[in-house]
């Protein structure tokens, strides 16, 4: 029998992007530790070291080892600690996280092969190793998407128009990759035209899934609109994908979040574009408020149980991405009324003298620094609340583009034309 959630001590470990998970857990457990392993190197810097400090209900720790025996369970919202998660489980600790299943996201080329062998539609693609070979392939190529494996700090997915327009991207990669330019794996994806993108966000427990999940529309780097629905009401394309993934997740002992990105065409083909083997972003900023028993859900999954998801405040939700050019290189103070605190999610958070700061870390010039989320009984109610909160979030250079929610609604209407009625 599980110890009551309120009596447990949990440790969350990530690099600062998912402090909102630690904050959300702090409402329901005895104690929350937060550990950010990224500060530990030969020349630590204050920015990395202080992430997670000053937050009410969350104790930042340098390392887990002095408190290891008192920790009841662990939560790993991000990647690159899969083997450690597997080790913790071998020592009898309850763990929420993908474990070795994180490789499904890290090695996209292999993932596509596995999905194709399982009967899932995936984009047409070519895999090349090395920037020189990529440049040669793209010399006379137009309109493709370029993805990569593992090392996202140098390269995020980008659209290639044609050589005369997109050549500067290759030139910049030549510089940033330097002597390693021909080590990088590149995946060249043919676009899926005349299609609409949507996706689902699931909780996986070995080879099973929680009874409900969010399904929605993302406008890249802008916003997300979703509805919580039962697995039985999922679009057929998502059910087929989950059926294919189920035995693979089971093999890895997967106990965590998984999200997918899918493009559906008018002939009802669902092309599996990408997956996240972690807490996605979106929808984590939304899920922490949409799911009223969020902490219990994670706790039960960590212990290998299939939870029942509750949404007492409504089944609809949205989140709008918070951006700042200033935050790419400097600490960003963010101000908002206390009554909206649970809806304002900040990455790399430090609270000092009552002020909330986003802290840039690891010399990564991120402009997406958090999100504002909102929940409602209807989508319109959630959107209106989100816009209301966004109006109250202040800070130098901070931008919250609520107009992107209208674009999301346009995509929702397009989905209906393709036979998928989410809302």
Protein backbone atom coordinates (compact mmCIF):
# COMPACT_ATOMS: atom_id res chain seq x y z
CA UNK A 1 0.00 0.00 0.00
CA UNK A 2 1.34 3.43 -0.96
CA UNK A 3 2.23 5.99 1.66
CA UNK A 4 -0.29 8.87 1.50
CA UNK A 5 0.87 11.52 -0.96
CA UNK A 6 0.77 14.27 1.69
CA UNK A 7 3.35 12.38 3.77
CA UNK A 8 5.87 11.88 0.95
CA UNK A 9 9.15 13.60 0.10
CA UNK A 10 9.81 14.02 -3.61
CA UNK A 11 12.84 15.18 -5.56
CA UNK A 12 12.46 16.69 -9.02
CA UNK A 13 15.54 16.87 -11.20
CA UNK A 14 15.90 18.83 -14.42
CA UNK A 15 17.82 21.81 -15.80
CA UNK A 16 15.37 24.54 -14.85
CA UNK A 17 12.80 24.33 -17.63
CA UNK A 18 10.26 22.45 -15.51
CA UNK A 19 10.43 24.09 -12.10
CA UNK A 20 6.68 24.52 -12.42
CA UNK A 21 6.37 20.78 -11.80
CA UNK A 22 8.23 21.08 -8.48
CA UNK A 23 6.10 24.09 -7.53
CA UNK A 24 2.88 22.23 -8.37
CA UNK A 25 3.93 19.18 -6.35
CA UNK A 26 4.68 21.39 -3.34
CA UNK A 27 0.94 21.99 -2.86
CA UNK A 28 0.31 18.33 -2.08
CA UNK A 29 3.39 16.67 -0.55
CA UNK A 30 5.38 16.95 2.69
CA UNK A 31 8.54 18.25 1.05
CA UNK A 32 9.94 18.98 -2.42
CA UNK A 33 13.63 18.99 -3.28
CA UNK A 34 14.85 20.38 -6.60
CA UNK A 35 18.19 19.33 -8.05
CA UNK A 36 19.72 20.85 -11.19
CA UNK A 37 22.74 18.77 -12.24
CA UNK A 38 23.80 21.19 -15.00
CA UNK A 39 25.68 23.54 -12.65
CA UNK A 40 28.23 20.85 -11.82
CA UNK A 41 31.33 21.30 -13.95
CA UNK A 42 34.87 22.57 -13.47
CA UNK A 43 33.90 26.25 -13.49
CA UNK A 44 30.40 26.65 -12.01
CA UNK A 45 28.57 29.94 -12.55
CA UNK A 46 26.03 31.63 -10.34
CA UNK A 47 23.33 31.58 -13.01
CA UNK A 48 23.20 27.79 -13.22
CA UNK A 49 23.90 27.30 -9.52
CA UNK A 50 21.04 29.48 -8.25
CA UNK A 51 18.23 28.22 -10.50
CA UNK A 52 15.42 27.01 -8.29
CA UNK A 53 16.38 29.12 -5.26
CA UNK A 54 14.04 31.28 -3.21
CA UNK A 55 10.88 29.43 -4.27
CA UNK A 56 8.32 28.92 -1.53
CA UNK A 57 7.74 25.22 -0.86
CA UNK A 58 10.74 24.04 -2.92
CA UNK A 59 14.20 23.42 -1.47
CA UNK A 60 17.02 23.66 -3.97
CA UNK A 61 19.82 21.15 -3.27
CA UNK A 62 23.32 20.84 -4.74
CA UNK A 63 23.05 17.07 -5.05
CA UNK A 64 20.64 14.32 -4.01
CA UNK A 65 23.10 12.21 -2.03
CA UNK A 66 22.90 13.82 1.44
CA UNK A 67 19.10 13.38 1.40
CA UNK A 68 18.87 10.25 -0.76
CA UNK A 69 17.49 7.96 1.95
CA UNK A 70 14.66 10.31 2.92
CA UNK A 71 13.39 10.75 -0.66
CA UNK A 72 10.30 8.61 -1.34
CA UNK A 73 10.06 9.25 -5.07
CA UNK A 74 11.71 11.08 -7.94
CA UNK A 75 10.36 13.08 -10.88
CA UNK A 76 12.45 13.63 -14.03
CA UNK A 77 10.54 15.97 -16.38
CA UNK A 78 13.36 16.29 -18.95
CA UNK A 79 15.88 14.20 -20.90
CA UNK A 80 19.41 12.83 -20.43
CA UNK A 81 19.00 11.13 -17.07
CA UNK A 82 17.40 7.92 -18.34
CA UNK A 83 20.10 5.53 -17.17
CA UNK A 84 20.11 7.16 -13.75
CA UNK A 85 16.35 6.67 -13.55
CA UNK A 86 16.76 2.99 -14.40
CA UNK A 87 19.42 2.69 -11.67
CA UNK A 88 17.13 4.36 -9.10
CA UNK A 89 14.40 1.88 -9.95
CA UNK A 90 16.85 -1.00 -9.52
CA UNK A 91 17.45 0.33 -5.98
CA UNK A 92 13.74 0.28 -5.19
CA UNK A 93 12.98 3.97 -5.68
CA UNK A 94 9.73 5.07 -7.31
CA UNK A 95 10.50 7.16 -10.39
CA UNK A 96 8.37 9.24 -12.76
CA UNK A 97 10.29 9.46 -16.03
CA UNK A 98 10.97 7.85 -19.38
CA UNK A 99 14.08 5.95 -18.28
CA UNK A 100 15.83 4.40 -21.27
CA UNK A 101 12.69 5.22 -23.27
CA UNK A 102 14.12 8.71 -23.75
CA UNK A 103 16.10 7.29 -26.68
CA UNK A 104 12.87 7.30 -28.69
CA UNK A 105 13.10 11.09 -28.80
CA UNK A 106 16.88 11.43 -28.89
CA UNK A 107 17.46 9.23 -31.95
CA UNK A 108 14.87 10.42 -34.44
CA UNK A 109 16.25 8.51 -37.41
CA UNK A 110 15.95 5.17 -35.58
CA UNK A 111 12.55 6.14 -34.18
CA UNK A 112 11.16 6.73 -37.67
CA UNK A 113 12.40 3.29 -38.75
CA UNK A 114 10.73 1.60 -35.76
CA UNK A 115 7.43 3.38 -36.37
CA UNK A 116 7.48 2.54 -40.08
CA UNK A 117 8.08 -1.13 -39.25
CA UNK A 118 5.07 -0.95 -36.91
CA UNK A 119 2.79 0.21 -39.71
CA UNK A 120 2.69 3.91 -38.75
CA UNK A 121 2.89 6.55 -41.48
CA UNK A 122 5.98 8.76 -41.14
CA UNK A 123 7.39 11.45 -43.45
CA UNK A 124 9.56 10.53 -46.41
CA UNK A 125 13.12 11.21 -45.35
CA UNK A 126 16.81 10.97 -46.07
CA UNK A 127 19.48 10.62 -43.39
CA UNK A 128 22.95 12.09 -43.92
CA UNK A 129 25.90 12.34 -41.57
CA UNK A 130 28.00 15.47 -41.78
CA UNK A 131 27.40 19.04 -42.86
CA UNK A 132 29.35 18.62 -46.09
CA UNK A 133 27.01 15.85 -47.22
CA UNK A 134 23.99 17.87 -46.11
CA UNK A 135 25.14 20.86 -48.14
CA UNK A 136 25.61 18.65 -51.21
CA UNK A 137 22.15 17.12 -50.76
CA UNK A 138 20.49 20.50 -50.43
CA UNK A 139 22.25 22.10 -53.41
CA UNK A 140 19.24 21.52 -55.68
CA UNK A 141 16.63 20.72 -53.05
CA UNK A 142 13.65 22.91 -52.20
CA UNK A 143 11.04 22.92 -49.43
CA UNK A 144 12.17 20.36 -46.83
CA UNK A 145 12.55 20.26 -43.06
CA UNK A 146 15.89 19.51 -41.39
CA UNK A 147 15.98 17.70 -38.06
CA UNK A 148 18.76 16.16 -36.02
CA UNK A 149 19.56 13.71 -33.22
CA UNK A 150 20.53 14.42 -29.60
CA UNK A 151 22.44 17.72 -29.93
CA UNK A 152 19.73 20.40 -30.15
CA UNK A 153 21.86 23.24 -28.81
CA UNK A 154 23.45 23.79 -32.22
CA UNK A 155 20.43 22.99 -34.34
CA UNK A 156 16.67 23.03 -33.86
CA UNK A 157 14.35 21.84 -36.62
CA UNK A 158 14.25 24.37 -39.46
CA UNK A 159 12.58 24.78 -42.84
CA UNK A 160 14.82 24.83 -45.92
CA UNK A 161 13.47 26.92 -48.79
CA UNK A 162 16.24 26.65 -51.36
CA UNK A 163 19.97 27.28 -51.55
CA UNK A 164 19.92 30.99 -52.40
CA UNK A 165 17.49 31.77 -49.55
CA UNK A 166 18.55 29.36 -46.82
CA UNK A 167 22.30 29.10 -47.41
CA UNK A 168 23.06 31.39 -44.40
CA UNK A 169 21.75 28.66 -42.08
CA UNK A 170 24.36 26.23 -43.39
CA UNK A 171 27.06 28.88 -43.14
CA UNK A 172 26.15 29.54 -39.50
CA UNK A 173 26.19 25.80 -38.78
CA UNK A 174 29.63 25.58 -40.40
CA UNK A 175 30.79 28.11 -37.83
CA UNK A 176 28.95 26.81 -34.74
CA UNK A 177 29.74 23.12 -35.32
CA UNK A 178 33.34 23.89 -36.18
CA UNK A 179 35.60 20.83 -36.27
CA UNK A 180 32.57 18.63 -35.42
CA UNK A 181 30.57 19.68 -38.47
CA UNK A 182 30.80 16.24 -40.06
CA UNK A 183 29.83 14.38 -36.88
CA UNK A 184 26.24 15.63 -36.84
CA UNK A 185 23.39 13.44 -38.12
CA UNK A 186 20.78 15.28 -40.21
CA UNK A 187 17.31 14.03 -41.16
CA UNK A 188 15.82 15.64 -44.28
CA UNK A 189 12.03 15.38 -44.12
CA UNK A 190 9.70 15.91 -47.06
CA UNK A 191 6.81 18.16 -45.93
CA UNK A 192 3.26 16.81 -45.68
CA UNK A 193 1.26 19.27 -47.79
CA UNK A 194 -2.50 19.84 -47.59
CA UNK A 195 -2.55 18.73 -43.95
CA UNK A 196 -3.20 20.02 -40.44
CA UNK A 197 -1.03 19.37 -37.40
CA UNK A 198 -2.40 18.28 -34.05
CA UNK A 199 -1.22 16.04 -31.24
CA UNK A 200 -1.90 14.24 -27.99
CA UNK A 201 -0.23 14.37 -24.59
CA UNK A 202 -0.34 11.11 -22.67
CA UNK A 203 0.73 9.55 -19.39
CA UNK A 204 2.31 6.14 -19.98
CA UNK A 205 2.70 3.38 -17.39
CA UNK A 206 4.77 0.57 -18.89
CA UNK A 207 2.62 -0.62 -21.81
CA UNK A 208 -0.57 1.12 -20.63
CA UNK A 209 -1.90 4.68 -20.70
CA UNK A 210 -3.84 6.79 -18.20
CA UNK A 211 -7.56 6.91 -18.90
CA UNK A 212 -7.57 10.48 -20.26
CA UNK A 213 -5.23 12.80 -22.15
CA UNK A 214 -5.09 16.26 -23.67
CA UNK A 215 -5.44 16.63 -27.41
CA UNK A 216 -4.87 19.96 -29.05
CA UNK A 217 -3.36 22.42 -31.49
CA UNK A 218 0.02 24.10 -31.06
CA UNK A 219 1.08 27.25 -32.83
CA UNK A 220 4.86 26.86 -32.70
CA UNK A 221 6.54 29.09 -30.09
CA UNK A 222 3.28 30.99 -29.58
CA UNK A 223 0.39 29.11 -27.97
CA UNK A 224 -1.46 25.85 -27.34
CA UNK A 225 -5.18 25.05 -27.08
CA UNK A 226 -6.35 21.68 -25.79
CA UNK A 227 -9.17 19.57 -24.41
CA UNK A 228 -8.98 16.68 -21.97
CA UNK A 229 -10.75 13.64 -23.41
CA UNK A 230 -10.97 9.91 -22.72
CA UNK A 231 -8.79 7.47 -24.61
CA UNK A 232 -11.88 5.97 -26.23
CA UNK A 233 -12.76 9.34 -27.75
CA UNK A 234 -9.30 9.88 -29.21
CA UNK A 235 -9.00 10.36 -32.98
CA UNK A 236 -8.35 7.01 -34.65
CA UNK A 237 -4.90 8.11 -35.82
CA UNK A 238 -3.71 8.72 -32.26
CA UNK A 239 -5.14 5.42 -31.04
CA UNK A 240 -3.24 3.59 -33.79
CA UNK A 241 0.02 5.31 -32.84
CA UNK A 242 -0.44 4.48 -29.15
CA UNK A 243 -1.13 0.84 -29.98
CA UNK A 244 2.16 0.68 -31.89
CA UNK A 245 4.10 2.39 -29.10
CA UNK A 246 2.59 0.40 -26.23
CA UNK A 247 4.89 -2.69 -26.41
CA UNK A 248 7.93 -0.45 -26.98
CA UNK A 249 7.14 1.59 -23.88
CA UNK A 250 6.60 -1.64 -21.96
CA UNK A 251 10.03 -2.91 -22.98
CA UNK A 252 11.62 0.24 -21.53
CA UNK A 253 9.61 0.22 -18.30
CA UNK A 254 8.40 3.69 -19.28
CA UNK A 255 6.60 5.62 -16.51
CA UNK A 256 6.12 9.20 -17.58
CA UNK A 257 4.80 11.69 -20.10
CA UNK A 258 4.83 11.30 -23.85
CA UNK A 259 3.52 13.70 -26.50
CA UNK A 260 3.20 13.32 -30.24
CA UNK A 261 3.00 15.66 -33.22
CA UNK A 262 0.87 14.36 -36.08
CA UNK A 263 -0.21 15.71 -39.47
CA UNK A 264 -3.50 14.48 -40.86
CA UNK A 265 -4.36 14.68 -44.55
CA UNK A 266 -7.74 14.76 -46.27
CA UNK A 267 -7.43 11.07 -47.09
CA UNK A 268 -7.26 10.45 -43.30
CA UNK A 269 -3.58 9.50 -43.19
CA UNK A 270 -1.91 10.45 -39.91
CA UNK A 271 1.82 11.10 -40.28
CA UNK A 272 3.79 10.80 -37.05
CA UNK A 273 6.24 13.74 -37.16
CA UNK A 274 7.82 13.80 -33.74
CA UNK A 275 7.50 12.66 -30.15
CA UNK A 276 8.69 13.90 -26.78
CA UNK A 277 9.76 11.30 -24.22
CA UNK A 278 9.48 13.82 -21.37
CA UNK A 279 7.15 16.51 -20.11
CA UNK A 280 6.38 18.43 -23.29
CA UNK A 281 6.26 22.20 -23.48
CA UNK A 282 3.48 22.68 -24.25
CA UNK A 283 1.45 21.12 -22.54
CA UNK A 284 3.11 20.96 -19.08
CA UNK A 285 2.32 24.58 -18.14
CA UNK A 286 -1.32 23.79 -18.84
CA UNK A 287 -1.49 20.26 -17.44
CA UNK A 288 -0.23 21.33 -14.02
CA UNK A 289 -3.44 23.37 -13.62
CA UNK A 290 -5.88 21.47 -15.83
CA UNK A 291 -5.35 18.21 -13.93
CA UNK A 292 -6.63 18.90 -10.41
CA UNK A 293 -5.01 15.76 -8.96
CA UNK A 294 -1.76 16.30 -10.89
CA UNK A 295 0.53 15.38 -7.99
CA UNK A 296 -1.38 12.16 -7.29
CA UNK A 297 -1.22 11.24 -10.98
CA UNK A 298 2.57 11.55 -11.06
CA UNK A 299 2.93 9.72 -7.73
CA UNK A 300 0.87 6.74 -8.83
CA UNK A 301 2.66 6.51 -12.19
CA UNK A 302 6.05 6.60 -10.42
CA UNK A 303 4.85 3.57 -8.48
CA UNK A 304 3.68 1.73 -11.60
CA UNK A 305 -0.04 2.35 -11.12
CA UNK A 306 -2.50 3.59 -13.75
CA UNK A 307 -4.13 6.74 -12.32
CA UNK A 308 -7.54 8.28 -12.85
CA UNK A 309 -7.18 11.86 -14.08
CA UNK A 310 -9.47 14.51 -12.58
CA UNK A 311 -10.32 17.90 -14.12
CA UNK A 312 -12.69 19.57 -11.68
CA UNK A 313 -12.17 23.10 -13.06
CA UNK A 314 -13.03 22.20 -16.65
CA UNK A 315 -11.77 20.11 -19.55
CA UNK A 316 -10.50 22.97 -21.72
CA UNK A 317 -7.28 24.89 -21.46
CA UNK A 318 -4.83 27.14 -23.26
CA UNK A 319 -1.31 28.41 -22.74
CA UNK A 320 0.46 31.36 -24.33
CA UNK A 321 4.25 31.37 -24.56
CA UNK A 322 6.08 34.17 -22.74
CA UNK A 323 9.03 35.67 -24.66
CA UNK A 324 11.70 38.28 -24.06
CA UNK A 325 14.63 39.42 -26.18
CA UNK A 326 16.27 40.82 -23.04
CA UNK A 327 16.17 37.44 -21.29
CA UNK A 328 18.39 35.85 -23.94
CA UNK A 329 21.40 37.24 -22.08
CA UNK A 330 20.21 38.98 -18.90
CA UNK A 331 18.08 38.07 -15.86
CA UNK A 332 14.46 38.96 -16.59
CA UNK A 333 12.25 40.22 -13.74
CA UNK A 334 8.59 39.31 -14.18
CA UNK A 335 5.71 40.92 -12.28
CA UNK A 336 2.12 39.73 -11.87
CA UNK A 337 -0.68 39.83 -9.28
CA UNK A 338 -0.42 37.13 -6.60
CA UNK A 339 -3.92 35.90 -7.42
CA UNK A 340 -2.63 34.71 -10.82
CA UNK A 341 0.60 33.15 -9.53
CA UNK A 342 -0.37 29.55 -10.24
CA UNK A 343 -1.09 30.36 -13.90
CA UNK A 344 2.23 32.14 -14.58
CA UNK A 345 4.93 29.55 -15.31
CA UNK A 346 8.55 30.70 -15.45
CA UNK A 347 11.56 28.68 -16.61
CA UNK A 348 14.91 28.84 -14.78
CA UNK A 349 13.10 30.54 -11.93
CA UNK A 350 14.81 32.37 -9.08
CA UNK A 351 12.82 34.37 -6.52
CA UNK A 352 14.77 37.14 -4.81
CA UNK A 353 13.28 39.78 -2.50
CA UNK A 354 9.83 38.77 -3.66
CA UNK A 355 10.64 39.30 -7.35
CA UNK A 356 10.40 36.44 -9.85
CA UNK A 357 13.29 36.18 -12.32
CA UNK A 358 13.98 34.12 -15.39
CA UNK A 359 17.73 33.39 -15.37
CA UNK A 360 19.61 32.67 -18.64
CA UNK A 361 21.84 29.61 -18.25
CA UNK A 362 24.59 27.67 -20.02
CA UNK A 363 25.14 30.47 -22.56
CA UNK A 364 21.95 29.39 -24.36
CA UNK A 365 20.14 32.53 -25.66
CA UNK A 366 16.57 31.40 -25.04
CA UNK A 367 13.80 33.90 -25.70
CA UNK A 368 10.95 31.58 -24.69
CA UNK A 369 11.05 32.02 -20.92
CA UNK A 370 7.73 30.65 -19.70
CA UNK A 371 4.00 30.63 -20.30
CA UNK A 372 0.64 31.80 -19.06
CA UNK A 373 -1.97 29.05 -18.80
CA UNK A 374 -5.70 29.04 -18.10
CA UNK A 375 -8.48 26.48 -17.65
CA UNK A 376 -12.21 26.67 -18.32
CA UNK A 377 -15.48 24.80 -18.67
CA UNK A 378 -15.40 25.89 -22.32
CA UNK A 379 -12.59 26.83 -24.65
CA UNK A 380 -13.89 30.39 -24.82
CA UNK A 381 -13.80 30.66 -21.03
CA UNK A 382 -10.21 29.43 -20.93
CA UNK A 383 -9.15 31.85 -23.69
CA UNK A 384 -10.79 34.82 -21.97
CA UNK A 385 -9.12 34.03 -18.65
CA UNK A 386 -5.75 33.58 -20.35
CA UNK A 387 -6.05 36.97 -22.06
CA UNK A 388 -7.04 38.55 -18.75
CA UNK A 389 -3.95 37.13 -17.02
CA UNK A 390 -1.62 38.05 -19.89
CA UNK A 391 -2.69 41.68 -19.54
CA UNK A 392 -1.42 41.64 -15.95
CA UNK A 393 2.01 40.09 -16.62
CA UNK A 394 4.60 42.87 -16.82
CA UNK A 395 8.32 43.15 -17.45
CA UNK A 396 10.85 44.85 -19.69
CA UNK A 397 10.65 43.37 -23.24
CA UNK A 398 8.13 40.69 -22.21
CA UNK A 399 5.71 39.67 -24.96
CA UNK A 400 2.64 37.43 -24.80
CA UNK A 401 0.96 37.09 -28.18
CA UNK A 402 -2.68 36.29 -27.42
CA UNK A 403 -3.59 36.82 -31.09
CA UNK A 404 -1.98 33.43 -31.72
CA UNK A 405 -4.99 31.87 -30.00
CA UNK A 406 -7.10 33.05 -32.95
CA UNK A 407 -4.69 31.28 -35.29
CA UNK A 408 -5.09 28.14 -33.19
CA UNK A 409 -8.85 28.36 -33.58
CA UNK A 410 -8.42 28.60 -37.35
CA UNK A 411 -6.43 25.34 -37.21
CA UNK A 412 -9.17 23.76 -35.10
CA UNK A 413 -11.69 24.61 -37.82
CA UNK A 414 -9.39 23.18 -40.51
CA UNK A 415 -9.17 19.96 -38.51
CA UNK A 416 -12.95 19.66 -38.72
CA UNK A 417 -12.67 19.74 -42.51
CA UNK A 418 -10.28 16.79 -42.20
CA UNK A 419 -12.76 14.82 -40.12
CA UNK A 420 -11.37 15.52 -36.62
CA UNK A 421 -13.61 17.50 -34.27
CA UNK A 422 -11.61 18.12 -31.10
CA UNK A 423 -13.71 20.88 -29.56
